[in-house]
Amino acid sequence: MIHASPFPSIDIPDVLLTAHVLGHALDLGDKPALIDGATGRVLTYAALDAQVRALAGGLRAHGLETGDTVALMAPNSPEYAVVFHAVALAGMTITTINPTYTADEVHHQFHDAGATLAITVGAILPVVQAAAADTGVSTIAVIDGAPAGSAGSGASVVDYASLFGEPLAEQVPVALDSVVALPYSSGTTGLSKGVMLTHRNLVANIEQVRITAEMDADDVVMGCLPFFHIYGMQVIMNTALAAGGTVVTMPRFDLVQFLELHQTHHITRSFVAPPIVVALAKHPVVDQYDLSSVRYMMSGAAPLSAEVGEEAAGRLGCEVVQGYGMTELSPVSHMTPMGGYKPGSVGPTVPNMETAIVDPGTGEFLDIDIDGEVWVRGPAVMKGYLNNQAATDATIDADGWLHTGDVGHIDADGHLYVVDRIKELIKFKGFQVPPAELEALLLTHPAIADTAVIGAPDDEAGEIPSAFVVLKPGAEATEADIMAFVAGQVAHYKQVRKLTFVDTIPKSPSGKILRRILRDEYL
């Protein structure tokens, strides 16, 4: 059974990315496109358009050519959008890099992506310089000015301002199916893979998200999730700009600043990750701020407990819903529209996409309410993994279905419920235990602030559910108390067999639990 989107099909324009996102920039003129939350600095649509064109022209004048790759490793700021779209306008590819990466991780991405220019900020310049050794990166531009004595050996270090030149009047011609963005998938094992996203992919998903979420020019959108990650890049930065809205950027997440910016700028739409929802549901400081302007909050990038979402929604006075996707899907394949909340659901399939639930053992397409692997097909599916045809073939089949590796089911209303990752399922005496289910249950315990569950090796059972728990400040609970709490609410094989109290749960900037770190550190 193939599940088509319950939404009407939409027209996806045959246009290149920057023309689609900034085509109305001059009409919007002095309207704020991006606001730097830390300083209040405003970049209007007219200024954004002018800077994008001047940087695009400068990149061409500096010798970069169509198809070249530019690496951007920086925190969120208005300049992020300038660099991103200047590279696209100049007919090149941008690879976005996590600014917390180590030099070895950055080196891998520089080398694999074939980057020749890197753009960064002074605080992480030493990491970028170290990473550039023995790669094609010959120039490093620093957005906030190259610090004295930063030249050193290897790649030359220049001020970002020196890259600007004669404005580019027109888009450099490239095909709609040419790669414009090359983010890297996080991956739980091995080196990360470059995800080839085309102009057509990104334009399609911008329209799928904009129409499903009903985003428009009146919206003020919170830009706290990192723009290097596909969620922040597309759902926040590009979709909000394409809708003519305003994006308020944060270079790093801080709860108090997050709340202050909502109150000051009257944020209407807040796209977040589960750790932020947990804070909104449980932290007492939330009550000190006025968040009444928020009309829509969507959590993505990792599973969110329905109970925590409802607790946050009660404090905020608006629906807190979920969406679903992955970098390889540009990224959103399922999204809950305003007024469409269903507890635990990540929403229906977005327009122009299809979903199938498939038995991973037999390949049989399953009916409603039956768990299986989630497959997705449509115009937002990536072109493939860079330099890795084997991984591409293992992910996208001959019929165009992308195999997500996630377990879930679709109900009679077309809503998807994601149970867990196939590769993260805990195998206890042959039974499959979804970590996300236990995590959602543990978060309902009054003493628990955060948690993660992994499978710990066991000679008898194969694996046993092992929980890591962060207690709320001042709260007390014993290992026996929490285990009994879980045992009273789940089947025998799902019970927590081991529990460790920790100070924090390791997570990626997008909010995903880094189970690999827990396994490496504790097991």
Protein backbone atom coordinates (compact mmCIF):
# COMPACT_ATOMS: atom_id res chain seq x y z
CA MET A 1 0.00 0.00 0.00
CA ILE A 2 1.36 3.39 -1.03
CA HIS A 3 0.21 6.32 1.10
CA ALA A 4 -0.16 9.49 -0.95
CA SER A 5 -0.15 12.88 0.73
CA PRO A 6 -3.59 13.90 2.00
CA PHE A 7 -2.79 17.46 0.90
CA PRO A 8 -3.53 18.65 -2.65
CA SER A 9 -0.61 18.56 -5.06
CA ILE A 10 1.24 21.84 -5.42
CA ASP A 11 3.01 23.51 -8.32
CA ILE A 12 6.77 23.41 -7.79
CA PRO A 13 8.37 26.10 -9.94
CA ASP A 14 11.21 25.22 -12.29
CA VAL A 15 13.52 27.86 -10.88
CA LEU A 16 16.95 27.92 -9.28
CA LEU A 17 17.23 28.21 -5.51
CA THR A 18 18.26 31.83 -4.91
CA ALA A 19 15.85 33.18 -7.51
CA HIS A 20 13.11 31.37 -5.63
CA VAL A 21 14.15 32.45 -2.13
CA LEU A 22 15.11 36.06 -2.90
CA GLY A 23 13.09 36.79 -6.03
CA HIS A 24 10.91 39.22 -4.08
CA ALA A 25 13.76 40.87 -2.13
CA LEU A 26 13.68 44.22 -3.94
CA ASP A 27 9.88 44.41 -3.60
CA LEU A 28 10.25 43.94 0.17
CA GLY A 29 12.97 46.62 0.30
CA ASP A 30 13.60 47.83 3.84
CA LYS A 31 11.68 45.04 5.54
CA PRO A 32 13.98 43.09 7.92
CA ALA A 33 15.01 39.79 6.39
CA LEU A 34 17.33 38.74 9.23
CA ILE A 35 17.96 40.16 12.69
CA ASP A 36 21.06 39.27 14.66
CA GLY A 37 19.52 38.34 18.00
CA ALA A 38 22.72 38.98 19.95
CA THR A 39 23.13 42.60 18.78
CA GLY A 40 19.82 43.62 17.23
CA ARG A 41 21.58 44.31 13.91
CA VAL A 42 19.12 44.24 11.00
CA LEU A 43 19.76 43.06 7.43
CA THR A 44 16.93 44.20 5.18
CA TYR A 45 15.77 42.32 2.10
CA ALA A 46 17.26 45.00 -0.17
CA ALA A 47 20.61 44.83 1.65
CA LEU A 48 20.55 41.03 1.62
CA ASP A 49 19.99 41.02 -2.13
CA ALA A 50 22.79 43.57 -2.68
CA GLN A 51 25.28 41.67 -0.51
CA VAL A 52 24.46 38.33 -2.12
CA ARG A 53 25.06 39.77 -5.58
CA ALA A 54 28.28 41.56 -4.60
CA LEU A 55 29.72 38.46 -2.92
CA ALA A 56 28.69 36.25 -5.86
CA GLY A 57 30.43 38.61 -8.25
CA GLY A 58 33.49 38.71 -6.03
CA LEU A 59 33.71 34.91 -5.87
CA ARG A 60 33.72 34.73 -9.66
CA ALA A 61 36.29 37.54 -9.86
CA HIS A 62 38.55 35.66 -7.43
CA GLY A 63 38.70 32.78 -9.87
CA LEU A 64 36.11 30.38 -8.53
CA GLU A 65 34.15 28.67 -11.28
CA THR A 66 30.82 27.01 -11.88
CA GLY A 67 30.59 23.79 -9.87
CA ASP A 68 33.34 24.69 -7.40
CA THR A 69 32.66 23.97 -3.73
CA VAL A 70 32.80 26.59 -0.96
CA ALA A 71 32.83 25.47 2.68
CA LEU A 72 30.98 27.52 5.31
CA MET A 73 31.81 26.81 8.95
CA ALA A 74 30.20 29.43 11.18
CA PRO A 75 27.47 29.96 13.78
CA ASN A 76 24.11 31.45 12.82
CA SER A 77 24.16 35.09 11.78
CA PRO A 78 22.68 37.22 8.96
CA GLU A 79 25.93 36.64 7.04
CA TYR A 80 25.15 32.93 6.85
CA ALA A 81 22.32 33.62 4.41
CA VAL A 82 24.52 36.01 2.42
CA VAL A 83 27.27 33.42 1.92
CA PHE A 84 24.85 30.59 1.26
CA HIS A 85 22.96 32.39 -1.50
CA ALA A 86 26.00 34.11 -2.99
CA VAL A 87 27.54 30.69 -3.59
CA ALA A 88 24.28 29.44 -5.13
CA LEU A 89 23.90 32.55 -7.32
CA ALA A 90 27.47 32.12 -8.56
CA GLY A 91 26.66 28.61 -9.80
CA MET A 92 28.67 26.82 -7.13
CA THR A 93 28.04 24.30 -4.36
CA ILE A 94 28.10 25.14 -0.65
CA THR A 95 29.07 22.55 1.95
CA THR A 96 28.02 23.54 5.45
CA ILE A 97 30.10 22.39 8.41
CA ASN A 98 29.33 22.02 12.09
CA PRO A 99 31.35 24.76 13.88
CA THR A 100 31.98 22.43 16.83
CA TYR A 101 33.77 19.83 14.68
CA THR A 102 37.35 18.85 15.37
CA ALA A 103 40.08 19.53 12.83
CA ASP A 104 40.05 15.87 11.75
CA GLU A 105 36.30 15.97 11.10
CA VAL A 106 36.58 19.22 9.16
CA HIS A 107 39.56 17.86 7.21
CA HIS A 108 37.47 14.90 6.08
CA GLN A 109 34.69 17.17 4.86
CA PHE A 110 37.08 19.59 3.11
CA HIS A 111 38.75 16.70 1.33
CA ASP A 112 35.63 14.70 0.46
CA ALA A 113 33.66 17.75 -0.73
CA GLY A 114 36.56 19.09 -2.77
CA ALA A 115 36.31 22.56 -1.19
CA THR A 116 38.71 25.25 -2.44
CA LEU A 117 37.54 28.20 -0.30
CA ALA A 118 36.49 28.12 3.37
CA ILE A 119 34.54 30.88 5.10
CA THR A 120 34.53 30.94 8.91
CA VAL A 121 34.80 33.14 12.02
CA GLY A 122 37.83 34.09 14.09
CA ALA A 123 36.97 31.95 17.10
CA ILE A 124 37.37 28.71 15.13
CA LEU A 125 39.98 29.85 12.62
CA PRO A 126 42.76 27.68 14.15
CA VAL A 127 40.62 24.57 13.66
CA VAL A 128 39.89 25.52 10.05
CA GLN A 129 43.57 26.21 9.36
CA ALA A 130 44.61 22.87 10.78
CA ALA A 131 41.89 21.11 8.82
CA ALA A 132 42.90 22.74 5.53
CA ALA A 133 46.31 21.05 5.47
CA ASP A 134 46.66 18.65 2.55
CA THR A 135 43.26 19.59 1.09
CA GLY A 136 42.23 21.78 -1.83
CA VAL A 137 41.36 24.70 0.47
CA SER A 138 43.78 27.44 -0.54
CA THR A 139 41.98 30.44 0.98
CA ILE A 140 40.20 30.96 4.31
CA ALA A 141 38.01 34.05 4.68
CA VAL A 142 37.08 35.27 8.16
CA ILE A 143 33.64 36.89 8.52
CA ASP A 144 34.52 38.93 11.60
CA GLY A 145 37.96 39.95 10.30
CA ALA A 146 41.18 37.97 10.11
CA PRO A 147 43.02 38.34 13.45
CA ALA A 148 46.59 39.61 13.45
CA GLY A 149 49.17 36.89 13.03
CA SER A 150 46.65 34.44 11.62
CA ALA A 151 48.31 33.96 8.23
CA GLY A 152 50.75 31.20 9.19
CA SER A 153 51.61 28.54 6.64
CA GLY A 154 49.29 26.73 4.30
CA ALA A 155 46.02 28.34 3.16
CA SER A 156 46.05 32.13 2.96
CA VAL A 157 43.80 33.94 5.46
CA VAL A 158 41.84 36.97 4.25
CA ASP A 159 39.09 39.24 5.48
CA TYR A 160 35.61 38.22 4.33
CA ALA A 161 35.05 41.78 3.05
CA SER A 162 37.86 41.31 0.53
CA LEU A 163 35.80 38.67 -1.29
CA PHE A 164 33.18 41.20 -2.40
CA GLY A 165 33.30 42.59 -5.92
CA GLU A 166 31.22 43.89 -8.79
CA PRO A 167 27.63 42.70 -8.20
CA LEU A 168 26.46 39.77 -10.26
CA ALA A 169 23.38 40.91 -12.17
CA GLU A 170 22.14 37.46 -13.13
CA GLN A 171 22.28 33.91 -11.85
CA VAL A 172 25.14 31.91 -13.33
CA PRO A 173 23.35 29.32 -15.49
CA VAL A 174 23.27 25.81 -14.04
CA ALA A 175 20.86 22.91 -14.37
CA LEU A 176 17.99 22.49 -11.93
CA ASP A 177 19.44 19.09 -11.04
CA SER A 178 22.92 20.44 -10.30
CA VAL A 179 24.07 20.15 -6.68
CA VAL A 180 23.74 23.42 -4.76
CA ALA A 181 24.06 22.25 -1.14
CA LEU A 182 26.26 19.52 0.29
CA PRO A 183 25.51 19.02 3.99
CA TYR A 184 26.99 15.93 5.62
CA SER A 185 24.91 13.29 7.35
CA SER A 186 25.78 12.71 10.99
CA GLY A 187 25.95 8.91 10.78
CA THR A 188 26.45 6.73 13.87
CA THR A 189 29.41 4.82 12.48
CA GLY A 190 32.24 5.60 10.09
CA LEU A 191 32.90 8.89 8.34
CA SER A 192 30.00 11.20 7.50
CA LYS A 193 28.67 11.25 3.95
CA GLY A 194 28.04 14.24 1.70
CA VAL A 195 24.35 14.51 0.82
CA MET A 196 23.93 15.91 -2.70
CA LEU A 197 20.94 18.26 -2.73
CA THR A 198 19.96 19.96 -5.97
CA HIS A 199 18.26 23.26 -6.72
CA ARG A 200 15.13 21.26 -7.59
CA ASN A 201 15.29 19.34 -4.27
CA LEU A 202 15.54 22.46 -2.10
CA VAL A 203 12.96 24.52 -4.01
CA ALA A 204 10.50 21.61 -3.83
CA ASN A 205 10.88 21.20 -0.08
CA ILE A 206 10.68 24.93 0.59
CA GLU A 207 7.29 24.96 -1.11
CA GLN A 208 6.16 21.77 0.62
CA VAL A 209 7.00 23.25 4.03
CA ARG A 210 5.80 26.81 3.32
CA ILE A 211 2.38 25.69 2.12
CA THR A 212 1.88 22.97 4.76
CA ALA A 213 2.89 25.31 7.60
CA GLU A 214 1.07 28.28 6.01
CA MET A 215 4.11 30.53 6.47
CA ASP A 216 3.78 34.05 5.09
CA ALA A 217 5.30 37.53 5.15
CA ASP A 218 3.79 38.32 8.55
CA ASP A 219 5.79 35.60 10.25
CA VAL A 220 8.77 36.24 12.52
CA VAL A 221 10.72 32.99 12.81
CA MET A 222 13.14 31.91 15.53
CA GLY A 223 16.54 30.96 14.09
CA CYS A 224 18.05 29.11 17.05
CA LEU A 225 18.74 25.78 15.35
CA PRO A 226 22.07 25.70 13.50
CA PHE A 227 21.92 26.70 9.84
CA PHE A 228 24.67 24.22 8.95
CA HIS A 229 22.11 21.50 9.70
CA ILE A 230 19.45 20.87 7.06
CA TYR A 231 16.59 21.65 9.50
CA GLY A 232 17.87 25.13 10.28
CA MET A 233 19.09 25.72 6.73
CA GLN A 234 15.86 24.87 4.98
CA VAL A 235 12.88 24.96 7.34
CA ILE A 236 14.01 28.13 9.11
CA MET A 237 16.38 30.18 6.94
CA ASN A 238 15.29 29.42 3.38
CA THR A 239 11.58 28.83 3.87
CA ALA A 240 11.07 31.92 6.03
CA LEU A 241 12.93 34.09 3.52
CA ALA A 242 11.01 32.58 0.60
CA ALA A 243 7.79 33.45 2.45
CA GLY A 244 8.95 37.05 2.96
CA GLY A 245 9.15 36.68 6.73
CA THR A 246 11.84 37.74 9.20
CA VAL A 247 14.39 35.39 10.78
CA VAL A 248 15.90 36.21 14.20
CA THR A 249 19.25 34.43 14.50
CA MET A 250 21.02 33.00 17.54
CA PRO A 251 24.70 31.97 17.29
CA ARG A 252 24.23 29.34 20.00
CA PHE A 253 21.29 28.21 22.08
CA ASP A 254 20.76 29.85 25.45
CA LEU A 255 17.36 29.39 27.08
CA VAL A 256 17.09 32.86 28.61
CA GLN A 257 18.16 34.59 25.39
CA PHE A 258 15.78 32.32 23.45
CA LEU A 259 12.91 33.46 25.67
CA GLU A 260 13.96 37.12 25.56
CA LEU A 261 14.09 37.11 21.76
CA HIS A 262 10.62 35.57 21.56
CA GLN A 263 9.29 38.31 23.80
CA THR A 264 11.19 41.20 22.17
CA HIS A 265 10.60 40.31 18.53
CA HIS A 266 7.13 38.77 18.93
CA ILE A 267 8.15 35.46 17.37
CA THR A 268 5.20 33.81 15.62
CA ARG A 269 6.79 30.50 14.58
CA SER A 270 9.40 28.59 16.51
CA PHE A 271 11.06 25.55 15.00
CA VAL A 272 12.88 23.62 17.70
CA ALA A 273 14.34 20.27 18.76
CA PRO A 274 13.18 18.07 21.67
CA PRO A 275 15.68 19.36 24.27
CA ILE A 276 14.22 22.85 23.84
CA VAL A 277 10.68 21.52 24.26
CA VAL A 278 11.75 19.73 27.44
CA ALA A 279 13.09 23.05 28.79
CA LEU A 280 9.91 24.89 27.81
CA ALA A 281 7.84 22.25 29.56
CA LYS A 282 9.83 22.01 32.78
CA HIS A 283 12.09 25.03 33.43
CA PRO A 284 10.68 27.60 35.88
CA VAL A 285 12.27 30.58 34.08
CA VAL A 286 9.79 30.15 31.20
CA ASP A 287 7.04 31.67 33.34
CA GLN A 288 8.92 34.98 33.47
CA TYR A 289 8.49 35.67 29.74
CA ASP A 290 5.61 36.49 27.42
CA LEU A 291 5.51 33.99 24.55
CA SER A 292 1.91 34.70 23.60
CA SER A 293 2.88 35.74 20.05
CA VAL A 294 3.88 32.17 19.18
CA ARG A 295 1.20 30.66 16.94
CA TYR A 296 3.02 27.51 15.92
CA MET A 297 5.88 25.47 17.37
CA MET A 298 7.24 22.42 15.59
CA SER A 299 9.77 19.98 17.02
CA GLY A 300 11.91 17.86 14.73
CA ALA A 301 15.29 16.14 14.32
CA ALA A 302 14.58 13.58 17.07
CA PRO A 303 11.58 11.90 18.71
CA LEU A 304 9.53 13.98 21.15
CA SER A 305 7.38 12.50 23.88
CA ALA A 306 3.71 13.39 23.35
CA GLU A 307 3.39 14.09 27.09
CA VAL A 308 6.29 16.57 27.09
CA GLY A 309 4.91 18.25 23.97
CA GLU A 310 1.51 18.67 25.58
CA GLU A 311 3.07 19.99 28.79
CA ALA A 312 4.97 22.62 26.79
CA ALA A 313 1.88 23.47 24.77
CA GLY A 314 -0.07 24.06 27.97
CA ARG A 315 2.49 26.60 29.19
CA LEU A 316 2.81 28.35 25.82
CA GLY A 317 -0.83 28.40 24.86
CA CYS A 318 -0.23 27.04 21.35
CA GLU A 319 0.06 23.64 19.71
CA VAL A 320 3.47 22.01 19.93
CA VAL A 321 3.58 19.59 17.03
CA GLN A 322 6.13 17.33 15.38
CA GLY A 323 7.57 16.96 11.91
CA TYR A 324 9.75 14.29 10.38
CA GLY A 325 12.47 14.12 7.80
CA MET A 326 16.17 13.68 7.22
CA THR A 327 19.00 15.42 5.44
CA GLU A 328 18.50 13.09 2.48
CA LEU A 329 14.92 14.40 2.12
CA SER A 330 15.83 18.12 1.97
CA PRO A 331 14.60 17.54 4.82
CA VAL A 332 10.83 17.40 5.52
CA SER A 333 8.67 14.49 4.38
CA HIS A 334 5.99 14.66 7.11
CA MET A 335 4.67 17.70 8.89
CA THR A 336 1.77 18.59 11.18
CA PRO A 337 -0.17 21.63 9.95
CA MET A 338 -1.71 24.17 12.31
CA GLY A 339 -4.78 22.64 13.94
CA GLY A 340 -3.77 19.15 12.89
CA TYR A 341 -2.18 17.94 16.12
CA LYS A 342 -2.47 14.25 17.03
CA PRO A 343 -0.54 12.99 20.09
CA GLY A 344 2.65 11.20 19.10
CA SER A 345 2.22 11.84 15.37
CA VAL A 346 4.85 13.53 13.21
CA GLY A 347 2.12 14.54 10.79
CA PRO A 348 0.90 13.53 7.34
CA THR A 349 3.03 13.21 4.22
CA VAL A 350 3.74 16.64 2.71
CA PRO A 351 2.36 17.50 -0.74
CA ASN A 352 3.84 15.76 -3.79
CA MET A 353 5.49 13.03 -1.67
CA GLU A 354 4.54 9.40 -1.07
CA THR A 355 5.12 7.12 1.91
CA ALA A 356 5.24 3.34 2.15
CA ILE A 357 5.54 1.20 5.27
CA VAL A 358 7.51 -1.92 4.38
CA ASP A 359 8.29 -5.18 6.15
CA PRO A 360 12.12 -5.06 6.35
CA GLY A 361 12.31 -8.85 6.20
CA THR A 362 10.01 -9.60 3.26
CA GLY A 363 9.78 -6.27 1.39
CA GLU A 364 5.97 -6.43 1.62
CA PHE A 365 4.15 -3.09 1.55
CA LEU A 366 2.07 -2.90 4.73
CA ASP A 367 -1.39 -1.51 5.46
CA ILE A 368 -2.35 1.11 8.05
CA ASP A 369 -1.47 0.70 11.73
CA ILE A 370 1.26 -1.88 11.07
CA ASP A 371 4.86 -1.08 11.98
CA GLY A 372 7.53 -1.40 9.33
CA GLU A 373 10.38 0.54 7.74
CA VAL A 374 9.39 3.98 6.48
CA TRP A 375 10.09 4.57 2.78
CA VAL A 376 9.60 7.95 1.10
CA ARG A 377 9.49 9.00 -2.56
CA GLY A 378 9.17 12.38 -4.28
CA PRO A 379 10.93 15.50 -5.58
CA ALA A 380 12.78 16.26 -2.33
CA VAL A 381 14.74 12.96 -2.32
CA MET A 382 18.47 13.65 -2.61
CA LYS A 383 20.48 13.06 -5.77
CA GLY A 384 22.70 10.68 -3.79
CA TYR A 385 25.77 10.51 -1.57
CA LEU A 386 28.90 12.21 -2.89
CA ASN A 387 31.65 9.79 -3.93
CA ASN A 388 29.69 6.86 -2.50
CA GLN A 389 27.58 5.02 -5.05
CA ALA A 390 27.33 1.94 -2.84
CA ALA A 391 25.74 3.91 -0.01
CA THR A 392 23.44 5.65 -2.50
CA ASP A 393 22.27 2.33 -3.94
CA ALA A 394 21.68 0.97 -0.45
CA THR A 395 19.49 3.96 0.42
CA ILE A 396 17.54 4.72 -2.77
CA ASP A 397 16.14 1.79 -4.75
CA ALA A 398 15.45 1.50 -8.46
CA ASP A 399 11.89 2.76 -8.03
CA GLY A 400 13.03 5.98 -6.33
CA TRP A 401 12.07 4.97 -2.79
CA LEU A 402 14.41 6.28 -0.08
CA HIS A 403 14.73 3.72 2.70
CA THR A 404 14.86 5.80 5.88
CA GLY A 405 15.93 3.09 8.33
CA ASP A 406 13.17 4.29 10.66
CA VAL A 407 10.37 2.12 12.04
CA GLY A 408 6.83 3.44 12.08
CA HIS A 409 3.24 3.14 10.92
CA ILE A 410 0.55 5.30 9.31
CA ASP A 411 -2.94 5.59 10.73
CA ALA A 412 -6.26 5.88 8.93
CA ASP A 413 -5.94 9.68 8.78
CA GLY A 414 -2.56 9.49 7.03
CA HIS A 415 -0.51 10.51 10.08
CA LEU A 416 2.90 8.90 10.52
CA TYR A 417 4.06 7.59 13.90
CA VAL A 418 7.79 6.91 14.11
CA VAL A 419 8.70 4.22 16.61
CA ASP A 420 12.50 4.19 16.32
CA ARG A 421 15.54 3.60 14.19
CA ILE A 422 15.93 0.01 13.00
CA LYS A 423 19.60 0.04 13.92
CA GLU A 424 18.86 1.46 17.39
CA LEU A 425 16.29 -1.13 18.36
CA ILE A 426 17.42 -3.07 21.43
CA LYS A 427 17.23 -6.85 20.97
CA PHE A 428 16.27 -8.39 24.33
CA LYS A 429 15.96 -12.20 24.08
CA GLY A 430 14.70 -11.78 20.52
CA PHE A 431 12.22 -9.05 21.39
CA GLN A 432 12.69 -5.59 19.88
CA VAL A 433 12.69 -2.72 22.38
CA PRO A 434 12.46 0.85 20.97
CA PRO A 435 14.66 3.22 23.03
CA ALA A 436 12.47 6.22 22.19
CA GLU A 437 9.47 4.56 23.82
CA LEU A 438 11.31 4.09 27.12
CA GLU A 439 12.77 7.61 26.94
CA ALA A 440 9.29 9.10 26.53
CA LEU A 441 8.07 7.12 29.53
CA LEU A 442 11.05 8.07 31.72
CA LEU A 443 10.49 11.78 31.00
CA THR A 444 7.08 11.53 32.65
CA HIS A 445 8.76 10.70 35.99
CA PRO A 446 8.54 13.83 38.18
CA ALA A 447 12.22 13.68 39.19
CA ILE A 448 13.71 13.23 35.69
CA ALA A 449 14.88 16.17 33.59
CA ASP A 450 16.41 14.26 30.68
CA THR A 451 17.20 10.71 29.67
CA ALA A 452 18.57 8.35 27.02
CA VAL A 453 18.29 4.59 26.58
CA ILE A 454 20.67 2.25 24.75
CA GLY A 455 21.23 -1.48 24.51
CA ALA A 456 23.97 -2.81 26.79
CA PRO A 457 25.58 -6.14 25.83
CA ASP A 458 24.45 -9.09 27.96
CA ASP A 459 25.58 -12.69 27.71
CA GLU A 460 22.13 -14.12 28.43
CA ALA A 461 19.74 -11.67 26.78
CA GLY A 462 21.91 -10.36 23.97
CA GLU A 463 21.18 -6.76 24.95
CA ILE A 464 19.46 -5.20 27.94
CA PRO A 465 17.76 -1.78 28.04
CA SER A 466 20.19 0.56 29.81
CA ALA A 467 18.97 4.01 30.85
CA PHE A 468 20.95 7.18 31.54
CA VAL A 469 19.10 9.69 33.68
CA VAL A 470 19.57 13.37 34.53
CA LEU A 471 17.67 14.37 37.66
CA LYS A 472 15.99 17.74 38.07
CA PRO A 473 17.80 20.15 40.41
CA GLY A 474 16.94 19.26 44.00
CA ALA A 475 15.05 16.11 43.01
CA GLU A 476 15.80 12.73 44.53
CA ALA A 477 15.15 9.27 43.14
CA THR A 478 16.95 5.96 43.45
CA GLU A 479 17.77 3.44 40.78
CA ALA A 480 15.19 1.09 42.29
CA ASP A 481 12.51 3.82 42.33
CA ILE A 482 12.91 4.57 38.63
CA MET A 483 13.15 0.95 37.55
CA ALA A 484 9.95 0.19 39.47
CA PHE A 485 8.28 3.20 37.83
CA VAL A 486 9.08 1.82 34.38
CA ALA A 487 8.29 -1.80 35.27
CA GLY A 488 4.75 -0.87 36.22
CA GLN A 489 4.00 0.52 32.75
CA VAL A 490 5.70 -1.67 30.14
CA ALA A 491 5.93 -5.30 29.10
CA HIS A 492 8.47 -7.44 30.90
CA TYR A 493 10.97 -7.44 28.03
CA LYS A 494 10.94 -3.62 27.86
CA GLN A 495 11.90 -3.04 31.47
CA VAL A 496 15.05 -1.05 32.24
CA ARG A 497 17.70 -3.50 33.50
CA LYS A 498 20.49 -1.01 34.17
CA LEU A 499 20.42 2.64 35.17
CA THR A 500 23.16 5.26 35.39
CA PHE A 501 22.80 8.79 36.78
CA VAL A 502 24.62 11.37 34.65
CA ASP A 503 24.95 15.16 34.56
CA THR A 504 24.01 15.59 30.90
CA ILE A 505 22.81 13.58 27.92
CA PRO A 506 25.14 14.03 24.92
CA LYS A 507 23.27 15.43 21.92
CA SER A 508 24.07 16.83 18.51
CA PRO A 509 23.33 20.53 17.77
CA SER A 510 20.11 19.38 16.09
CA GLY A 511 18.96 17.60 19.26
CA LYS A 512 19.64 13.97 18.40
CA ILE A 513 20.82 11.79 21.26
CA LEU A 514 24.40 10.68 20.60
CA ARG A 515 23.97 7.09 21.70
CA ARG A 516 27.38 6.21 20.29
CA ILE A 517 29.05 8.47 22.87
CA LEU A 518 27.10 6.82 25.68
CA ARG A 519 28.12 3.39 24.42
CA ASP A 520 31.76 4.39 24.09
CA GLU A 521 31.95 6.12 27.46
CA TYR A 522 29.97 3.77 29.66
CA LEU A 523 29.95 0.37 27.97
